[in-house]
Amino acid sequence: MRPDPYRVWLSEIMLQQTTVKTVGPYFDRFVARWPDVSALATATLDEILQLWQGLGYYARARNLHACARVVVERHGGLFPDEPAAFR
């Protein structure tokens, strides 16, 4: 079974400079509230920042939100297979 690109991406962003132990509960809350990139893209930045609170490095949350919107707007909510298309 292929890993869910959304969950991999979300975990990679959250795990930057943060431990797995710390990220676990945040990851679970994010996935419960926004189960896919399309759902995350519809959230407001304030909603994302509120759930992110305590995880630190808030630029990650802002960039996460911006990227989710780009994936939905430019790629129909699907993560591109080619890294160049994702950049």
PDB file of N, CA and C in Angstrom:
ATOM      1  N   MET A   1       0.838  -1.179   0.000  1.00  0.00           N
ATOM      2  CA  MET A   1       0.000   0.000   0.000  1.00  0.00           C
ATOM      3  C   MET A   1       0.889   1.251   0.000  1.00  0.00           C
ATOM      4  N   ARG A   2       0.574   2.181  -0.864  1.00  0.00           N
ATOM      5  CA  ARG A   2       1.340   3.421  -0.984  1.00  0.00           C
ATOM      6  C   ARG A   2       0.970   4.374   0.157  1.00  0.00           C
ATOM      7  N   PRO A   3       1.965   4.973   0.796  1.00  0.00           N
ATOM      8  CA  PRO A   3       1.666   5.944   1.858  1.00  0.00           C
ATOM      9  C   PRO A   3       0.852   7.119   1.311  1.00  0.00           C
ATOM     10  N   ASP A   4       0.000   7.662   2.134  1.00  0.00           N
ATOM     11  CA  ASP A   4      -0.816   8.816   1.771  1.00  0.00           C
ATOM     12  C   ASP A   4       0.096  10.044   1.666  1.00  0.00           C
ATOM     13  N   PRO A   5       0.230  10.619   0.475  1.00  0.00           N
ATOM     14  CA  PRO A   5       1.127  11.774   0.306  1.00  0.00           C
ATOM     15  C   PRO A   5       0.793  12.937   1.247  1.00  0.00           C
ATOM     16  N   TYR A   6      -0.480  13.151   1.516  1.00  0.00           N
ATOM     17  CA  TYR A   6      -0.876  14.237   2.419  1.00  0.00           C
ATOM     18  C   TYR A   6      -0.316  14.005   3.818  1.00  0.00           C
ATOM     19  N   ARG A   7      -0.468  12.801   4.325  1.00  0.00           N
ATOM     20  CA  ARG A   7       0.014  12.497   5.675  1.00  0.00           C
ATOM     21  C   ARG A   7       1.536  12.545   5.759  1.00  0.00           C
ATOM     22  N   VAL A   8       2.192  12.078   4.714  1.00  0.00           N
ATOM     23  CA  VAL A   8       3.658  12.134   4.683  1.00  0.00           C
ATOM     24  C   VAL A   8       4.109  13.589   4.689  1.00  0.00           C
ATOM     25  N   TRP A   9       3.516  14.386   3.824  1.00  0.00           N
ATOM     26  CA  TRP A   9       3.860  15.801   3.725  1.00  0.00           C
ATOM     27  C   TRP A   9       3.617  16.523   5.048  1.00  0.00           C
ATOM     28  N   LEU A  10       2.437  16.318   5.615  1.00  0.00           N
ATOM     29  CA  LEU A  10       2.080  16.951   6.881  1.00  0.00           C
ATOM     30  C   LEU A  10       3.076  16.572   7.977  1.00  0.00           C
ATOM     31  N   SER A  11       3.399  15.290   8.073  1.00  0.00           N
ATOM     32  CA  SER A  11       4.331  14.851   9.113  1.00  0.00           C
ATOM     33  C   SER A  11       5.729  15.421   8.887  1.00  0.00           C
ATOM     34  N   GLU A  12       6.165  15.495   7.644  1.00  0.00           N
ATOM     35  CA  GLU A  12       7.486  16.063   7.346  1.00  0.00           C
ATOM     36  C   GLU A  12       7.564  17.523   7.771  1.00  0.00           C
ATOM     37  N   ILE A  13       6.511  18.271   7.507  1.00  0.00           N
ATOM     38  CA  ILE A  13       6.493  19.685   7.905  1.00  0.00           C
ATOM     39  C   ILE A  13       6.510  19.797   9.424  1.00  0.00           C
ATOM     40  N   MET A  14       5.685  19.027  10.081  1.00  0.00           N
ATOM     41  CA  MET A  14       5.598  19.096  11.541  1.00  0.00           C
ATOM     42  C   MET A  14       6.884  18.640  12.223  1.00  0.00           C
ATOM     43  N   LEU A  15       7.559  17.689  11.628  1.00  0.00           N
ATOM     44  CA  LEU A  15       8.751  17.118  12.258  1.00  0.00           C
ATOM     45  C   LEU A  15      10.019  17.944  12.062  1.00  0.00           C
ATOM     46  N   GLN A  16       9.945  19.007  11.296  1.00  0.00           N
ATOM     47  CA  GLN A  16      11.118  19.863  11.142  1.00  0.00           C
ATOM     48  C   GLN A  16      11.444  20.503  12.490  1.00  0.00           C
ATOM     49  N   GLN A  17      12.597  20.182  13.022  1.00  0.00           N
ATOM     50  CA  GLN A  17      13.102  20.727  14.284  1.00  0.00           C
ATOM     51  C   GLN A  17      12.181  20.435  15.471  1.00  0.00           C
ATOM     52  N   THR A  18      11.403  19.353  15.387  1.00  0.00           N
ATOM     53  CA  THR A  18      10.493  18.980  16.466  1.00  0.00           C
ATOM     54  C   THR A  18      10.511  17.459  16.604  1.00  0.00           C
ATOM     55  N   THR A  19      10.419  16.953  17.820  1.00  0.00           N
ATOM     56  CA  THR A  19      10.503  15.513  18.052  1.00  0.00           C
ATOM     57  C   THR A  19       9.201  14.793  17.716  1.00  0.00           C
ATOM     58  N   VAL A  20       9.324  13.509  17.419  1.00  0.00           N
ATOM     59  CA  VAL A  20       8.158  12.671  17.112  1.00  0.00           C
ATOM     60  C   VAL A  20       7.193  12.664  18.300  1.00  0.00           C
ATOM     61  N   LYS A  21       7.726  12.579  19.482  1.00  0.00           N
ATOM     62  CA  LYS A  21       6.884  12.552  20.690  1.00  0.00           C
ATOM     63  C   LYS A  21       6.015  13.808  20.790  1.00  0.00           C
ATOM     64  N   THR A  22       6.582  14.941  20.460  1.00  0.00           N
ATOM     65  CA  THR A  22       5.843  16.200  20.516  1.00  0.00           C
ATOM     66  C   THR A  22       4.829  16.296  19.385  1.00  0.00           C
ATOM     67  N   VAL A  23       5.225  15.870  18.193  1.00  0.00           N
ATOM     68  CA  VAL A  23       4.384  16.015  17.006  1.00  0.00           C
ATOM     69  C   VAL A  23       3.162  15.113  17.029  1.00  0.00           C
ATOM     70  N   GLY A  24       3.276  13.921  17.579  1.00  0.00           N
ATOM     71  CA  GLY A  24       2.199  12.926  17.527  1.00  0.00           C
ATOM     72  C   GLY A  24       0.800  13.460  17.784  1.00  0.00           C
ATOM     73  N   PRO A  25       0.556  14.095  18.928  1.00  0.00           N
ATOM     74  CA  PRO A  25      -0.789  14.600  19.201  1.00  0.00           C
ATOM     75  C   PRO A  25      -1.244  15.693  18.225  1.00  0.00           C
ATOM     76  N   TYR A  26      -0.329  16.536  17.801  1.00  0.00           N
ATOM     77  CA  TYR A  26      -0.667  17.585  16.830  1.00  0.00           C
ATOM     78  C   TYR A  26      -1.069  16.956  15.497  1.00  0.00           C
ATOM     79  N   PHE A  27      -0.276  15.990  15.062  1.00  0.00           N
ATOM     80  CA  PHE A  27      -0.572  15.306  13.802  1.00  0.00           C
ATOM     81  C   PHE A  27      -1.964  14.681  13.860  1.00  0.00           C
ATOM     82  N   ASP A  28      -2.260  13.978  14.950  1.00  0.00           N
ATOM     83  CA  ASP A  28      -3.569  13.329  15.092  1.00  0.00           C
ATOM     84  C   ASP A  28      -4.707  14.339  15.052  1.00  0.00           C
ATOM     85  N   ARG A  29      -4.533  15.481  15.710  1.00  0.00           N
ATOM     86  CA  ARG A  29      -5.581  16.508  15.709  1.00  0.00           C
ATOM     87  C   ARG A  29      -5.771  17.113  14.316  1.00  0.00           C
ATOM     88  N   PHE A  30      -4.658  17.369  13.625  1.00  0.00           N
ATOM     89  CA  PHE A  30      -4.747  17.929  12.267  1.00  0.00           C
ATOM     90  C   PHE A  30      -5.476  16.970  11.333  1.00  0.00           C
ATOM     91  N   VAL A  31      -5.102  15.706  11.351  1.00  0.00           N
ATOM     92  CA  VAL A  31      -5.712  14.726  10.447  1.00  0.00           C
ATOM     93  C   VAL A  31      -7.185  14.516  10.791  1.00  0.00           C
ATOM     94  N   ALA A  32      -7.521  14.572  12.066  1.00  0.00           N
ATOM     95  CA  ALA A  32      -8.928  14.427  12.456  1.00  0.00           C
ATOM     96  C   ALA A  32      -9.746  15.618  11.957  1.00  0.00           C
ATOM     97  N   ARG A  33      -9.176  16.795  12.028  1.00  0.00           N
ATOM     98  CA  ARG A  33      -9.908  18.003  11.624  1.00  0.00           C
ATOM     99  C   ARG A  33      -9.864  18.231  10.113  1.00  0.00           C
ATOM    100  N   TRP A  34      -8.710  17.977   9.513  1.00  0.00           N
ATOM    101  CA  TRP A  34      -8.519  18.175   8.080  1.00  0.00           C
ATOM    102  C   TRP A  34      -7.933  16.890   7.497  1.00  0.00           C
ATOM    103  N   PRO A  35      -8.758  15.947   7.089  1.00  0.00           N
ATOM    104  CA  PRO A  35      -8.284  14.624   6.668  1.00  0.00           C
ATOM    105  C   PRO A  35      -7.548  14.581   5.336  1.00  0.00           C
ATOM    106  N   ASP A  36      -7.608  15.662   4.567  1.00  0.00           N
ATOM    107  CA  ASP A  36      -6.888  15.694   3.293  1.00  0.00           C
ATOM    108  C   ASP A  36      -6.494  17.127   2.965  1.00  0.00           C
ATOM    109  N   VAL A  37      -5.688  17.261   1.934  1.00  0.00           N
ATOM    110  CA  VAL A  37      -5.158  18.582   1.592  1.00  0.00           C
ATOM    111  C   VAL A  37      -6.267  19.543   1.171  1.00  0.00           C
ATOM    112  N   SER A  38      -7.315  19.037   0.563  1.00  0.00           N
ATOM    113  CA  SER A  38      -8.433  19.915   0.164  1.00  0.00           C
ATOM    114  C   SER A  38      -9.127  20.500   1.386  1.00  0.00           C
ATOM    115  N   ALA A  39      -9.309  19.695   2.401  1.00  0.00           N
ATOM    116  CA  ALA A  39      -9.925  20.186   3.632  1.00  0.00           C
ATOM    117  C   ALA A  39      -9.018  21.213   4.307  1.00  0.00           C
ATOM    118  N   LEU A  40      -7.723  20.944   4.331  1.00  0.00           N
ATOM    119  CA  LEU A  40      -6.781  21.881   4.932  1.00  0.00           C
ATOM    120  C   LEU A  40      -6.773  23.208   4.183  1.00  0.00           C
ATOM    121  N   ALA A  41      -6.881  23.149   2.874  1.00  0.00           N
ATOM    122  CA  ALA A  41      -6.874  24.365   2.061  1.00  0.00           C
ATOM    123  C   ALA A  41      -8.077  25.254   2.341  1.00  0.00           C
ATOM    124  N   THR A  42      -9.190  24.676   2.777  1.00  0.00           N
ATOM    125  CA  THR A  42     -10.382  25.476   3.054  1.00  0.00           C
ATOM    126  C   THR A  42     -10.358  26.111   4.443  1.00  0.00           C
ATOM    127  N   ALA A  43      -9.435  25.664   5.283  1.00  0.00           N
ATOM    128  CA  ALA A  43      -9.325  26.226   6.635  1.00  0.00           C
ATOM    129  C   ALA A  43      -8.804  27.650   6.559  1.00  0.00           C
ATOM    130  N   THR A  44      -9.119  28.414   7.564  1.00  0.00           N
ATOM    131  CA  THR A  44      -8.524  29.745   7.657  1.00  0.00           C
ATOM    132  C   THR A  44      -7.143  29.606   8.305  1.00  0.00           C
ATOM    133  N   LEU A  45      -6.307  30.571   8.038  1.00  0.00           N
ATOM    134  CA  LEU A  45      -4.986  30.560   8.663  1.00  0.00           C
ATOM    135  C   LEU A  45      -5.120  30.618  10.185  1.00  0.00           C
ATOM    136  N   ASP A  46      -6.083  31.363  10.683  1.00  0.00           N
ATOM    137  CA  ASP A  46      -6.286  31.442  12.134  1.00  0.00           C
ATOM    138  C   ASP A  46      -6.626  30.073  12.724  1.00  0.00           C
ATOM    139  N   GLU A  47      -7.452  29.288  12.023  1.00  0.00           N
ATOM    140  CA  GLU A  47      -7.787  27.946  12.510  1.00  0.00           C
ATOM    141  C   GLU A  47      -6.544  27.065  12.577  1.00  0.00           C
ATOM    142  N   ILE A  48      -5.736  27.155  11.552  1.00  0.00           N
ATOM    143  CA  ILE A  48      -4.515  26.344  11.510  1.00  0.00           C
ATOM    144  C   ILE A  48      -3.557  26.777  12.613  1.00  0.00           C
ATOM    145  N   LEU A  49      -3.372  28.072  12.755  1.00  0.00           N
ATOM    146  CA  LEU A  49      -2.470  28.571  13.792  1.00  0.00           C
ATOM    147  C   LEU A  49      -2.953  28.200  15.189  1.00  0.00           C
ATOM    148  N   GLN A  50      -4.251  28.178  15.382  1.00  0.00           N
ATOM    149  CA  GLN A  50      -4.797  27.807  16.689  1.00  0.00           C
ATOM    150  C   GLN A  50      -4.459  26.355  17.019  1.00  0.00           C
ATOM    151  N   LEU A  51      -4.639  25.438  16.060  1.00  0.00           N
ATOM    152  CA  LEU A  51      -4.330  24.037  16.299  1.00  0.00           C
ATOM    153  C   LEU A  51      -2.820  23.816  16.373  1.00  0.00           C
ATOM    154  N   TRP A  52      -2.056  24.660  15.727  1.00  0.00           N
ATOM    155  CA  TRP A  52      -0.594  24.556  15.706  1.00  0.00           C
ATOM    156  C   TRP A  52       0.014  25.068  17.013  1.00  0.00           C
ATOM    157  N   GLN A  53      -0.738  25.861  17.752  1.00  0.00           N
ATOM    158  CA  GLN A  53      -0.237  26.534  18.946  1.00  0.00           C
ATOM    159  C   GLN A  53       0.492  25.570  19.874  1.00  0.00           C
ATOM    160  N   GLY A  54       1.727  25.934  20.203  1.00  0.00           N
ATOM    161  CA  GLY A  54       2.558  25.113  21.070  1.00  0.00           C
ATOM    162  C   GLY A  54       3.583  24.283  20.307  1.00  0.00           C
ATOM    163  N   LEU A  55       3.413  24.163  18.995  1.00  0.00           N
ATOM    164  CA  LEU A  55       4.341  23.380  18.177  1.00  0.00           C
ATOM    165  C   LEU A  55       5.550  24.212  17.750  1.00  0.00           C
ATOM    166  N   GLY A  56       5.403  25.532  17.786  1.00  0.00           N
ATOM    167  CA  GLY A  56       6.519  26.417  17.477  1.00  0.00           C
ATOM    168  C   GLY A  56       6.781  26.595  15.996  1.00  0.00           C
ATOM    169  N   TYR A  57       7.726  27.470  15.698  1.00  0.00           N
ATOM    170  CA  TYR A  57       8.124  27.737  14.311  1.00  0.00           C
ATOM    171  C   TYR A  57       6.892  27.957  13.433  1.00  0.00           C
ATOM    172  N   TYR A  58       6.164  28.997  13.729  1.00  0.00           N
ATOM    173  CA  TYR A  58       4.856  29.245  13.107  1.00  0.00           C
ATOM    174  C   TYR A  58       4.916  29.507  11.609  1.00  0.00           C
ATOM    175  N   ALA A  59       6.093  29.834  11.099  1.00  0.00           N
ATOM    176  CA  ALA A  59       6.227  29.980   9.641  1.00  0.00           C
ATOM    177  C   ALA A  59       5.891  28.659   8.956  1.00  0.00           C
ATOM    178  N   ARG A  60       6.160  27.538   9.624  1.00  0.00           N
ATOM    179  CA  ARG A  60       5.803  26.233   9.050  1.00  0.00           C
ATOM    180  C   ARG A  60       4.304  26.135   8.844  1.00  0.00           C
ATOM    181  N   ALA A  61       3.532  26.605   9.795  1.00  0.00           N
ATOM    182  CA  ALA A  61       2.067  26.547   9.690  1.00  0.00           C
ATOM    183  C   ALA A  61       1.564  27.448   8.572  1.00  0.00           C
ATOM    184  N   ARG A  62       2.140  28.635   8.471  1.00  0.00           N
ATOM    185  CA  ARG A  62       1.739  29.545   7.396  1.00  0.00           C
ATOM    186  C   ARG A  62       2.089  28.974   6.020  1.00  0.00           C
ATOM    187  N   ASN A  63       3.269  28.400   5.911  1.00  0.00           N
ATOM    188  CA  ASN A  63       3.677  27.792   4.642  1.00  0.00           C
ATOM    189  C   ASN A  63       2.867  26.536   4.324  1.00  0.00           C
ATOM    190  N   LEU A  64       2.525  25.771   5.334  1.00  0.00           N
ATOM    191  CA  LEU A  64       1.680  24.588   5.167  1.00  0.00           C
ATOM    192  C   LEU A  64       0.338  24.980   4.549  1.00  0.00           C
ATOM    193  N   HIS A  65      -0.245  26.027   5.085  1.00  0.00           N
ATOM    194  CA  HIS A  65      -1.535  26.508   4.596  1.00  0.00           C
ATOM    195  C   HIS A  65      -1.428  27.011   3.161  1.00  0.00           C
ATOM    196  N   ALA A  66      -0.400  27.807   2.894  1.00  0.00           N
ATOM    197  CA  ALA A  66      -0.207  28.339   1.544  1.00  0.00           C
ATOM    198  C   ALA A  66       0.017  27.214   0.541  1.00  0.00           C
ATOM    199  N   CYS A  67       0.801  26.237   0.914  1.00  0.00           N
ATOM    200  CA  CYS A  67       1.074  25.115   0.016  1.00  0.00           C
ATOM    201  C   CYS A  67      -0.183  24.283  -0.228  1.00  0.00           C
ATOM    202  N   ALA A  68      -0.975  24.070   0.798  1.00  0.00           N
ATOM    203  CA  ALA A  68      -2.228  23.315   0.624  1.00  0.00           C
ATOM    204  C   ALA A  68      -3.119  23.999  -0.401  1.00  0.00           C
ATOM    205  N   ARG A  69      -3.194  25.301  -0.326  1.00  0.00           N
ATOM    206  CA  ARG A  69      -4.015  26.045  -1.294  1.00  0.00           C
ATOM    207  C   ARG A  69      -3.476  25.916  -2.718  1.00  0.00           C
ATOM    208  N   VAL A  70      -2.167  25.930  -2.860  1.00  0.00           N
ATOM    209  CA  VAL A  70      -1.562  25.776  -4.184  1.00  0.00           C
ATOM    210  C   VAL A  70      -1.831  24.382  -4.731  1.00  0.00           C
ATOM    211  N   VAL A  71      -1.688  23.362  -3.898  1.00  0.00           N
ATOM    212  CA  VAL A  71      -1.945  21.986  -4.350  1.00  0.00           C
ATOM    213  C   VAL A  71      -3.382  21.849  -4.835  1.00  0.00           C
ATOM    214  N   VAL A  72      -4.309  22.473  -4.159  1.00  0.00           N
ATOM    215  CA  VAL A  72      -5.714  22.400  -4.571  1.00  0.00           C
ATOM    216  C   VAL A  72      -5.958  23.228  -5.829  1.00  0.00           C
ATOM    217  N   GLU A  73      -5.460  24.452  -5.851  1.00  0.00           N
ATOM    218  CA  GLU A  73      -5.721  25.343  -6.987  1.00  0.00           C
ATOM    219  C   GLU A  73      -5.026  24.906  -8.271  1.00  0.00           C
ATOM    220  N   ARG A  74      -3.788  24.468  -8.162  1.00  0.00           N
ATOM    221  CA  ARG A  74      -3.002  24.155  -9.365  1.00  0.00           C
ATOM    222  C   ARG A  74      -2.980  22.673  -9.737  1.00  0.00           C
ATOM    223  N   HIS A  75      -3.276  21.817  -8.757  1.00  0.00           N
ATOM    224  CA  HIS A  75      -3.133  20.381  -9.005  1.00  0.00           C
ATOM    225  C   HIS A  75      -4.391  19.589  -8.639  1.00  0.00           C
ATOM    226  N   GLY A  76      -5.499  20.282  -8.477  1.00  0.00           N
ATOM    227  CA  GLY A  76      -6.756  19.607  -8.205  1.00  0.00           C
ATOM    228  C   GLY A  76      -6.790  18.812  -6.910  1.00  0.00           C
ATOM    229  N   GLY A  77      -5.970  19.207  -5.939  1.00  0.00           N
ATOM    230  CA  GLY A  77      -5.962  18.538  -4.648  1.00  0.00           C
ATOM    231  C   GLY A  77      -5.118  17.278  -4.607  1.00  0.00           C
ATOM    232  N   LEU A  78      -4.365  17.031  -5.671  1.00  0.00           N
ATOM    233  CA  LEU A  78      -3.494  15.850  -5.720  1.00  0.00           C
ATOM    234  C   LEU A  78      -2.037  16.306  -5.721  1.00  0.00           C
ATOM    235  N   PHE A  79      -1.242  15.666  -4.904  1.00  0.00           N
ATOM    236  CA  PHE A  79       0.172  15.996  -4.890  1.00  0.00           C
ATOM    237  C   PHE A  79       0.810  15.484  -6.168  1.00  0.00           C
ATOM    238  N   PRO A  80       1.553  16.336  -6.874  1.00  0.00           N
ATOM    239  CA  PRO A  80       2.191  15.907  -8.121  1.00  0.00           C
ATOM    240  C   PRO A  80       3.211  14.793  -7.863  1.00  0.00           C
ATOM    241  N   ASP A  81       3.336  13.890  -8.813  1.00  0.00           N
ATOM    242  CA  ASP A  81       4.322  12.811  -8.707  1.00  0.00           C
ATOM    243  C   ASP A  81       5.734  13.319  -8.958  1.00  0.00           C
ATOM    244  N   GLU A  82       5.845  14.339  -9.778  1.00  0.00           N
ATOM    245  CA  GLU A  82       7.158  14.877 -10.135  1.00  0.00           C
ATOM    246  C   GLU A  82       7.552  16.003  -9.190  1.00  0.00           C
ATOM    247  N   PRO A  83       8.722  15.894  -8.570  1.00  0.00           N
ATOM    248  CA  PRO A  83       9.167  16.948  -7.650  1.00  0.00           C
ATOM    249  C   PRO A  83       9.195  18.338  -8.286  1.00  0.00           C
ATOM    250  N   ALA A  84       9.574  18.422  -9.540  1.00  0.00           N
ATOM    251  CA  ALA A  84       9.642  19.733 -10.202  1.00  0.00           C
ATOM    252  C   ALA A  84       8.262  20.388 -10.279  1.00  0.00           C
ATOM    253  N   ALA A  85       7.227  19.596 -10.501  1.00  0.00           N
ATOM    254  CA  ALA A  85       5.863  20.134 -10.568  1.00  0.00           C
ATOM    255  C   ALA A  85       5.416  20.616  -9.191  1.00  0.00           C
ATOM    256  N   PHE A  86       5.900  19.968  -8.168  1.00  0.00           N
ATOM    257  CA  PHE A  86       5.525  20.348  -6.809  1.00  0.00           C
ATOM    258  C   PHE A  86       6.217  21.646  -6.390  1.00  0.00           C
ATOM    259  N   ARG A  87       7.427  21.830  -6.841  1.00  0.00           N
ATOM    260  CA  ARG A  87       8.158  23.068  -6.501  1.00  0.00           C
ATOM    261  C   ARG A  87       7.467  24.253  -7.112  1.00  0.00           C
TER     262      ARG A  87
END
